[in-house]
Amino acid sequence: MRERTAAWMAAAALAAAGAGCGSSSSSSPAAPPQGSGFFITISNLSFSPLSLHVPPGGTVTVLNQDAMQHSVTSETTPSSFSPGAVSGVSFDTGPFTGARTFTLPTNAPSGTVIPFFCTVHRGTMNTPNGSITVDPSAVATTASGGGGGGGGSGY
């Protein structure tokens, strides 16, 4: 009986962790995740890196190290500070503290550059915009690596 209850609780926890609509999923004030992936860090009202390369279907983890809420929200053009999509690709963590994730669509067109901003602070962030480039050759890094997913700059 205990084994069955433990298995049910584990399944319920996994289902809850995967629940949510859209591409945004987890939120937690916990320590940064271990392992490799694609990361955006928000610290001192700044995004890092400002340009992140992520493959189609890649999951991005956003680590908010500030004590206030932030979001990472796609916009059609840099500095429009209005939610939007580029080539059908959009994402929005919603305001949060701690960590959130979102996943790019598996059919996101290679080379698509999606600018992002914080809906809470709009143009008042130290770095008001960043961008994600859909790049099938992007390589995951560790969270302590400062962002991951490769380089490039600009939009």
N, C-alpha and C. Protein backbone atom coordinates (compact mmCIF):
# COMPACT_ATOMS: atom_id res chain seq x y z
N MET A 1 0.82 -1.20 0.00
CA MET A 1 0.00 0.00 0.00
C MET A 1 0.86 1.26 0.00
N ARG A 2 1.92 1.26 0.85
CA ARG A 2 2.80 2.42 0.89
C ARG A 2 3.46 2.67 -0.46
N GLU A 3 3.88 1.59 -1.14
CA GLU A 3 4.53 1.73 -2.43
C GLU A 3 3.58 2.35 -3.45
N ARG A 4 2.33 1.89 -3.43
CA ARG A 4 1.35 2.42 -4.36
C ARG A 4 1.08 3.89 -4.07
N THR A 5 0.96 4.27 -2.79
CA THR A 5 0.75 5.67 -2.43
C THR A 5 1.94 6.53 -2.85
N ALA A 6 3.15 6.03 -2.60
CA ALA A 6 4.35 6.77 -2.99
C ALA A 6 4.41 6.94 -4.51
N ALA A 7 4.07 5.90 -5.24
CA ALA A 7 4.08 5.97 -6.70
C ALA A 7 3.03 6.97 -7.19
N TRP A 8 1.86 6.97 -6.57
CA TRP A 8 0.82 7.91 -6.96
C TRP A 8 1.24 9.34 -6.67
N MET A 9 1.86 9.58 -5.50
CA MET A 9 2.31 10.92 -5.15
C MET A 9 3.40 11.40 -6.11
N ALA A 10 4.31 10.50 -6.49
CA ALA A 10 5.35 10.86 -7.44
C ALA A 10 4.75 11.22 -8.80
N ALA A 11 3.78 10.43 -9.25
CA ALA A 11 3.12 10.70 -10.52
C ALA A 11 2.37 12.03 -10.47
N ALA A 12 1.71 12.31 -9.35
CA ALA A 12 0.99 13.56 -9.19
C ALA A 12 1.95 14.75 -9.21
N ALA A 13 3.10 14.59 -8.57
CA ALA A 13 4.09 15.66 -8.56
C ALA A 13 4.62 15.92 -9.96
N LEU A 14 4.88 14.86 -10.72
CA LEU A 14 5.34 15.03 -12.10
C LEU A 14 4.28 15.69 -12.96
N ALA A 15 3.05 15.29 -12.78
CA ALA A 15 1.96 15.89 -13.56
C ALA A 15 1.82 17.37 -13.23
N ALA A 16 1.92 17.71 -11.95
CA ALA A 16 1.82 19.11 -11.55
C ALA A 16 2.97 19.92 -12.12
N ALA A 17 4.16 19.35 -12.12
CA ALA A 17 5.32 20.06 -12.65
C ALA A 17 5.19 20.30 -14.14
N GLY A 18 4.55 19.39 -14.85
CA GLY A 18 4.39 19.53 -16.29
C GLY A 18 3.14 20.28 -16.68
N ALA A 19 2.30 20.59 -15.71
CA ALA A 19 1.04 21.26 -16.02
C ALA A 19 1.29 22.71 -16.42
N GLY A 20 0.31 23.29 -17.03
CA GLY A 20 0.42 24.69 -17.44
C GLY A 20 0.08 24.79 -18.90
N CYS A 21 -0.30 25.99 -19.29
CA CYS A 21 -0.66 26.15 -20.69
C CYS A 21 0.42 26.92 -21.40
N GLY A 22 0.43 26.84 -22.69
CA GLY A 22 1.44 27.52 -23.47
C GLY A 22 2.78 26.86 -23.30
N SER A 23 3.83 27.66 -23.51
CA SER A 23 5.15 27.10 -23.45
C SER A 23 5.84 27.39 -22.13
N SER A 24 5.23 28.17 -21.25
CA SER A 24 5.84 28.48 -19.97
C SER A 24 5.45 27.40 -18.99
N SER A 25 6.39 26.99 -18.13
CA SER A 25 6.03 25.93 -17.21
C SER A 25 6.40 26.25 -15.78
N SER A 26 7.54 25.87 -15.30
CA SER A 26 7.80 25.85 -13.88
C SER A 26 8.17 27.20 -13.30
N SER A 27 7.87 27.36 -12.01
CA SER A 27 8.26 28.54 -11.26
C SER A 27 8.71 28.07 -9.90
N SER A 28 9.84 28.60 -9.44
CA SER A 28 10.36 28.15 -8.17
C SER A 28 11.40 29.12 -7.67
N PRO A 29 11.42 29.39 -6.36
CA PRO A 29 12.44 30.24 -5.81
C PRO A 29 13.71 29.45 -5.47
N ALA A 30 13.76 28.21 -5.87
CA ALA A 30 14.87 27.33 -5.51
C ALA A 30 16.16 27.72 -6.21
N ALA A 31 17.22 27.03 -5.84
CA ALA A 31 18.54 27.26 -6.43
C ALA A 31 18.50 26.96 -7.92
N PRO A 32 19.44 27.53 -8.69
CA PRO A 32 19.48 27.27 -10.13
C PRO A 32 19.56 25.78 -10.42
N PRO A 33 18.95 25.35 -11.52
CA PRO A 33 18.97 23.94 -11.86
C PRO A 33 20.39 23.47 -12.16
N GLN A 34 20.63 22.22 -11.91
CA GLN A 34 21.92 21.62 -12.20
C GLN A 34 21.88 21.04 -13.60
N GLY A 35 23.04 20.88 -14.21
CA GLY A 35 23.09 20.27 -15.53
C GLY A 35 23.20 21.31 -16.62
N SER A 36 22.94 20.87 -17.83
CA SER A 36 23.12 21.77 -18.96
C SER A 36 21.78 22.15 -19.56
N GLY A 37 21.80 23.22 -20.31
CA GLY A 37 20.59 23.70 -20.96
C GLY A 37 20.84 25.06 -21.56
N PHE A 38 19.78 25.82 -21.72
CA PHE A 38 19.82 27.16 -22.28
C PHE A 38 19.27 28.10 -21.22
N PHE A 39 20.04 29.10 -20.82
CA PHE A 39 19.70 29.90 -19.66
C PHE A 39 19.74 31.39 -19.96
N ILE A 40 18.78 32.11 -19.36
CA ILE A 40 18.79 33.56 -19.31
C ILE A 40 18.76 33.90 -17.83
N THR A 41 19.67 34.74 -17.38
CA THR A 41 19.70 35.19 -16.00
C THR A 41 19.28 36.65 -15.95
N ILE A 42 18.45 36.98 -14.96
CA ILE A 42 18.07 38.36 -14.72
C ILE A 42 18.67 38.74 -13.37
N SER A 43 19.53 39.75 -13.36
CA SER A 43 20.18 40.20 -12.14
C SER A 43 20.44 41.70 -12.25
N ASN A 44 20.15 42.42 -11.18
CA ASN A 44 20.34 43.88 -11.18
C ASN A 44 19.65 44.55 -12.37
N LEU A 45 18.42 44.13 -12.63
CA LEU A 45 17.61 44.68 -13.73
C LEU A 45 18.27 44.53 -15.09
N SER A 46 19.04 43.44 -15.26
CA SER A 46 19.73 43.19 -16.52
C SER A 46 19.55 41.75 -16.96
N PHE A 47 19.36 41.56 -18.27
CA PHE A 47 19.32 40.22 -18.86
C PHE A 47 20.74 39.79 -19.22
N SER A 48 21.03 38.51 -19.03
CA SER A 48 22.31 37.96 -19.46
C SER A 48 22.09 36.51 -19.90
N PRO A 49 22.53 36.14 -21.07
CA PRO A 49 23.14 36.98 -22.10
C PRO A 49 22.06 37.80 -22.80
N LEU A 50 22.50 38.78 -23.57
CA LEU A 50 21.56 39.59 -24.35
C LEU A 50 21.16 38.89 -25.63
N SER A 51 21.98 37.94 -26.08
CA SER A 51 21.70 37.17 -27.29
C SER A 51 21.93 35.70 -26.98
N LEU A 52 20.87 34.91 -27.09
CA LEU A 52 20.93 33.48 -26.78
C LEU A 52 20.53 32.68 -28.02
N HIS A 53 21.29 31.67 -28.35
CA HIS A 53 20.96 30.78 -29.46
C HIS A 53 20.39 29.50 -28.89
N VAL A 54 19.23 29.07 -29.42
CA VAL A 54 18.50 27.91 -28.92
C VAL A 54 18.00 27.11 -30.11
N PRO A 55 18.13 25.77 -30.07
CA PRO A 55 17.60 24.98 -31.19
C PRO A 55 16.08 24.89 -31.15
N PRO A 56 15.45 24.58 -32.28
CA PRO A 56 14.00 24.33 -32.26
C PRO A 56 13.70 23.23 -31.24
N GLY A 57 12.67 23.43 -30.45
CA GLY A 57 12.31 22.46 -29.41
C GLY A 57 13.13 22.59 -28.14
N GLY A 58 14.07 23.53 -28.11
CA GLY A 58 14.91 23.72 -26.92
C GLY A 58 14.14 24.40 -25.80
N THR A 59 14.47 24.02 -24.57
CA THR A 59 13.85 24.62 -23.40
C THR A 59 14.80 25.64 -22.79
N VAL A 60 14.27 26.82 -22.53
CA VAL A 60 15.04 27.92 -21.92
C VAL A 60 14.61 28.04 -20.46
N THR A 61 15.60 28.08 -19.58
CA THR A 61 15.35 28.32 -18.16
C THR A 61 15.75 29.75 -17.85
N VAL A 62 14.83 30.49 -17.24
CA VAL A 62 15.08 31.87 -16.86
C VAL A 62 15.26 31.91 -15.35
N LEU A 63 16.41 32.43 -14.92
CA LEU A 63 16.73 32.53 -13.50
C LEU A 63 16.65 33.98 -13.07
N ASN A 64 15.65 34.32 -12.28
CA ASN A 64 15.48 35.69 -11.79
C ASN A 64 16.19 35.78 -10.43
N GLN A 65 17.31 36.46 -10.41
CA GLN A 65 18.08 36.60 -9.18
C GLN A 65 17.77 37.89 -8.43
N ASP A 66 16.87 38.71 -8.96
CA ASP A 66 16.45 39.92 -8.27
C ASP A 66 15.34 39.57 -7.28
N ALA A 67 15.13 40.45 -6.31
CA ALA A 67 14.09 40.23 -5.30
C ALA A 67 12.70 40.65 -5.81
N MET A 68 12.65 41.23 -7.00
CA MET A 68 11.38 41.68 -7.58
C MET A 68 10.99 40.78 -8.76
N GLN A 69 9.72 40.84 -9.12
CA GLN A 69 9.25 40.06 -10.26
C GLN A 69 9.75 40.62 -11.58
N HIS A 70 10.02 39.71 -12.50
CA HIS A 70 10.38 40.04 -13.88
C HIS A 70 9.67 39.05 -14.79
N SER A 71 9.72 39.32 -16.09
CA SER A 71 9.25 38.35 -17.08
C SER A 71 10.24 38.33 -18.24
N VAL A 72 10.16 37.30 -19.03
CA VAL A 72 10.83 37.25 -20.33
C VAL A 72 9.70 36.99 -21.32
N THR A 73 9.40 38.03 -22.11
CA THR A 73 8.24 38.01 -23.00
C THR A 73 8.68 38.41 -24.40
N SER A 74 8.30 37.61 -25.38
CA SER A 74 8.67 37.91 -26.77
C SER A 74 7.93 39.15 -27.26
N GLU A 75 8.58 39.85 -28.20
CA GLU A 75 7.98 41.00 -28.85
C GLU A 75 8.32 40.94 -30.33
N THR A 76 7.52 41.57 -31.15
CA THR A 76 7.72 41.52 -32.59
C THR A 76 8.97 42.27 -33.02
N THR A 77 9.18 43.44 -32.43
CA THR A 77 10.37 44.24 -32.75
C THR A 77 10.99 44.73 -31.45
N PRO A 78 12.33 44.87 -31.42
CA PRO A 78 13.00 45.35 -30.20
C PRO A 78 12.45 46.71 -29.77
N SER A 79 12.30 46.86 -28.48
CA SER A 79 11.87 48.12 -27.86
C SER A 79 10.43 48.51 -28.17
N SER A 80 9.61 47.58 -28.67
CA SER A 80 8.19 47.88 -28.81
C SER A 80 7.48 47.71 -27.46
N PHE A 81 8.07 46.90 -26.59
CA PHE A 81 7.56 46.65 -25.24
C PHE A 81 6.09 46.25 -25.25
N SER A 82 5.77 45.42 -26.24
CA SER A 82 4.43 44.88 -26.40
C SER A 82 4.57 43.42 -26.80
N PRO A 83 3.87 42.51 -26.13
CA PRO A 83 4.00 41.08 -26.47
C PRO A 83 3.70 40.84 -27.95
N GLY A 84 4.48 39.95 -28.55
CA GLY A 84 4.28 39.63 -29.96
C GLY A 84 5.07 38.41 -30.37
N ALA A 85 4.95 38.05 -31.63
CA ALA A 85 5.60 36.86 -32.18
C ALA A 85 6.41 37.24 -33.41
N VAL A 86 7.41 36.42 -33.70
CA VAL A 86 8.19 36.53 -34.93
C VAL A 86 8.14 35.17 -35.60
N SER A 87 7.70 35.12 -36.84
CA SER A 87 7.56 33.87 -37.60
C SER A 87 6.80 32.81 -36.80
N GLY A 88 5.78 33.27 -36.09
CA GLY A 88 4.94 32.36 -35.32
C GLY A 88 5.53 31.90 -34.00
N VAL A 89 6.68 32.43 -33.60
CA VAL A 89 7.32 32.03 -32.35
C VAL A 89 7.09 33.11 -31.30
N SER A 90 6.50 32.72 -30.19
CA SER A 90 6.31 33.64 -29.07
C SER A 90 6.49 32.87 -27.77
N PHE A 91 6.77 33.61 -26.70
CA PHE A 91 6.90 33.01 -25.37
C PHE A 91 6.64 34.09 -24.34
N ASP A 92 6.25 33.68 -23.14
CA ASP A 92 5.98 34.60 -22.05
C ASP A 92 6.04 33.84 -20.74
N THR A 93 7.00 34.17 -19.89
CA THR A 93 7.08 33.51 -18.59
C THR A 93 6.03 34.03 -17.64
N GLY A 94 5.47 35.21 -17.92
CA GLY A 94 4.63 35.89 -16.95
C GLY A 94 5.54 36.41 -15.83
N PRO A 95 5.07 37.37 -15.04
CA PRO A 95 5.88 37.89 -13.95
C PRO A 95 6.18 36.79 -12.92
N PHE A 96 7.43 36.72 -12.45
CA PHE A 96 7.81 35.67 -11.51
C PHE A 96 9.07 36.06 -10.74
N THR A 97 9.30 35.38 -9.66
CA THR A 97 10.58 35.37 -8.97
C THR A 97 11.05 33.93 -8.95
N GLY A 98 12.34 33.71 -8.87
CA GLY A 98 12.87 32.34 -8.87
C GLY A 98 13.23 31.89 -10.27
N ALA A 99 12.63 30.81 -10.72
CA ALA A 99 12.97 30.25 -12.03
C ALA A 99 11.71 29.89 -12.80
N ARG A 100 11.75 30.05 -14.11
CA ARG A 100 10.67 29.64 -15.03
C ARG A 100 11.31 29.06 -16.28
N THR A 101 10.56 28.24 -16.96
CA THR A 101 11.04 27.69 -18.22
C THR A 101 10.00 27.91 -19.31
N PHE A 102 10.48 27.91 -20.55
CA PHE A 102 9.60 27.87 -21.71
C PHE A 102 10.34 27.11 -22.80
N THR A 103 9.58 26.58 -23.75
CA THR A 103 10.13 25.75 -24.81
C THR A 103 9.78 26.36 -26.17
N LEU A 104 10.80 26.46 -27.03
CA LEU A 104 10.55 26.94 -28.39
C LEU A 104 9.84 25.83 -29.17
N PRO A 105 8.99 26.18 -30.12
CA PRO A 105 8.32 25.16 -30.92
C PRO A 105 9.35 24.33 -31.72
N THR A 106 9.05 23.08 -31.92
CA THR A 106 9.95 22.20 -32.67
C THR A 106 10.02 22.60 -34.14
N ASN A 107 9.01 23.33 -34.61
CA ASN A 107 9.00 23.77 -36.01
C ASN A 107 9.43 25.24 -36.17
N ALA A 108 10.06 25.81 -35.13
CA ALA A 108 10.52 27.20 -35.23
C ALA A 108 11.53 27.32 -36.36
N PRO A 109 11.34 28.26 -37.27
CA PRO A 109 12.23 28.39 -38.42
C PRO A 109 13.66 28.79 -38.02
N SER A 110 14.62 28.08 -38.55
CA SER A 110 16.03 28.37 -38.30
C SER A 110 16.36 29.80 -38.70
N GLY A 111 17.14 30.47 -37.86
CA GLY A 111 17.53 31.85 -38.13
C GLY A 111 16.57 32.89 -37.61
N THR A 112 15.40 32.49 -37.13
CA THR A 112 14.45 33.44 -36.59
C THR A 112 15.04 34.10 -35.34
N VAL A 113 14.95 35.42 -35.27
CA VAL A 113 15.43 36.17 -34.11
C VAL A 113 14.22 36.78 -33.42
N ILE A 114 14.01 36.38 -32.16
CA ILE A 114 12.85 36.84 -31.40
C ILE A 114 13.34 37.75 -30.28
N PRO A 115 13.07 39.06 -30.36
CA PRO A 115 13.45 39.94 -29.26
C PRO A 115 12.55 39.69 -28.05
N PHE A 116 13.07 39.99 -26.86
CA PHE A 116 12.27 39.85 -25.65
C PHE A 116 12.50 41.03 -24.71
N PHE A 117 11.56 41.19 -23.76
CA PHE A 117 11.61 42.27 -22.79
C PHE A 117 10.93 41.80 -21.51
N CYS A 118 10.95 42.65 -20.48
CA CYS A 118 10.26 42.38 -19.22
C CYS A 118 8.96 43.19 -19.20
N THR A 119 7.82 42.51 -19.04
CA THR A 119 6.53 43.21 -19.04
C THR A 119 6.34 44.05 -17.77
N VAL A 120 7.05 43.72 -16.71
CA VAL A 120 6.92 44.46 -15.46
C VAL A 120 7.63 45.80 -15.55
N HIS A 121 8.82 45.81 -16.15
CA HIS A 121 9.65 47.02 -16.15
C HIS A 121 9.79 47.68 -17.52
N ARG A 122 9.34 47.02 -18.56
CA ARG A 122 9.40 47.54 -19.93
C ARG A 122 10.73 48.19 -20.22
N GLY A 123 10.77 49.43 -20.59
CA GLY A 123 12.01 50.09 -20.99
C GLY A 123 12.90 50.54 -19.85
N THR A 124 12.52 50.28 -18.60
CA THR A 124 13.32 50.77 -17.48
C THR A 124 14.38 49.78 -17.00
N MET A 125 14.47 48.62 -17.62
CA MET A 125 15.53 47.68 -17.26
C MET A 125 16.88 48.27 -17.69
N ASN A 126 17.97 47.90 -17.01
CA ASN A 126 19.30 48.33 -17.44
C ASN A 126 19.59 47.85 -18.86
N THR A 127 19.15 46.63 -19.16
CA THR A 127 19.21 46.09 -20.53
C THR A 127 17.76 45.78 -20.90
N PRO A 128 17.07 46.72 -21.56
CA PRO A 128 15.62 46.55 -21.77
C PRO A 128 15.23 45.45 -22.74
N ASN A 129 16.15 45.01 -23.61
CA ASN A 129 15.83 43.98 -24.59
C ASN A 129 16.95 42.96 -24.68
N GLY A 130 16.55 41.74 -25.00
CA GLY A 130 17.49 40.69 -25.39
C GLY A 130 16.90 40.01 -26.60
N SER A 131 17.54 38.93 -27.06
CA SER A 131 16.97 38.19 -28.19
C SER A 131 17.35 36.73 -28.12
N ILE A 132 16.48 35.92 -28.69
CA ILE A 132 16.73 34.49 -28.87
C ILE A 132 16.76 34.23 -30.36
N THR A 133 17.81 33.55 -30.82
CA THR A 133 17.94 33.17 -32.21
C THR A 133 17.73 31.66 -32.31
N VAL A 134 16.82 31.25 -33.19
CA VAL A 134 16.59 29.82 -33.43
C VAL A 134 17.78 29.31 -34.24
N ASP A 135 18.53 28.39 -33.62
CA ASP A 135 19.79 27.91 -34.20
C ASP A 135 19.92 26.41 -33.96
N PRO A 136 19.69 25.58 -35.00
CA PRO A 136 19.76 24.13 -34.83
C PRO A 136 21.11 23.64 -34.31
N SER A 137 22.18 24.42 -34.48
CA SER A 137 23.50 23.99 -34.02
C SER A 137 23.85 24.50 -32.62
N ALA A 138 22.91 25.18 -31.95
CA ALA A 138 23.18 25.71 -30.61
C ALA A 138 23.51 24.58 -29.65
N VAL A 139 24.48 24.85 -28.77
CA VAL A 139 24.94 23.85 -27.81
C VAL A 139 24.59 24.32 -26.40
N ALA A 140 24.03 23.42 -25.61
CA ALA A 140 23.66 23.74 -24.24
C ALA A 140 24.90 23.95 -23.39
N THR A 141 24.74 24.77 -22.34
CA THR A 141 25.80 24.99 -21.37
C THR A 141 25.23 24.84 -19.97
N THR A 142 26.04 25.04 -18.95
CA THR A 142 25.57 24.97 -17.58
C THR A 142 25.07 26.34 -17.13
N ALA A 143 24.22 26.34 -16.12
CA ALA A 143 23.65 27.58 -15.61
C ALA A 143 24.75 28.52 -15.13
N SER A 144 25.80 27.98 -14.54
CA SER A 144 26.86 28.83 -14.02
C SER A 144 27.71 29.40 -15.14
N GLY A 145 27.48 28.94 -16.38
CA GLY A 145 28.24 29.42 -17.51
C GLY A 145 27.81 30.78 -18.00
N GLY A 146 26.81 31.39 -17.37
CA GLY A 146 26.44 32.76 -17.70
C GLY A 146 25.44 32.89 -18.82
N GLY A 147 24.79 31.85 -19.24
CA GLY A 147 23.75 32.03 -20.23
C GLY A 147 23.61 30.87 -21.16
N GLY A 148 24.67 30.46 -21.80
CA GLY A 148 24.62 29.28 -22.65
C GLY A 148 24.02 29.51 -24.00
N GLY A 149 24.17 28.51 -24.80
CA GLY A 149 23.53 28.50 -26.08
C GLY A 149 24.22 29.29 -27.15
N GLY A 150 25.38 29.78 -26.91
CA GLY A 150 26.13 30.39 -28.00
C GLY A 150 25.89 31.86 -28.14
N GLY A 151 26.58 32.40 -29.07
CA GLY A 151 26.79 33.82 -29.09
C GLY A 151 26.09 34.58 -30.16
N GLY A 152 26.83 35.43 -30.78
CA GLY A 152 26.25 36.37 -31.70
C GLY A 152 25.74 37.56 -30.92
N SER A 153 25.52 38.64 -31.60
CA SER A 153 24.98 39.80 -30.91
C SER A 153 23.99 40.49 -31.85
N GLY A 154 23.19 41.29 -31.24
CA GLY A 154 22.26 42.10 -32.01
C GLY A 154 21.02 41.35 -32.42
N TYR A 155 20.24 42.03 -33.25
CA TYR A 155 18.94 41.51 -33.63
C TYR A 155 18.92 41.17 -35.08
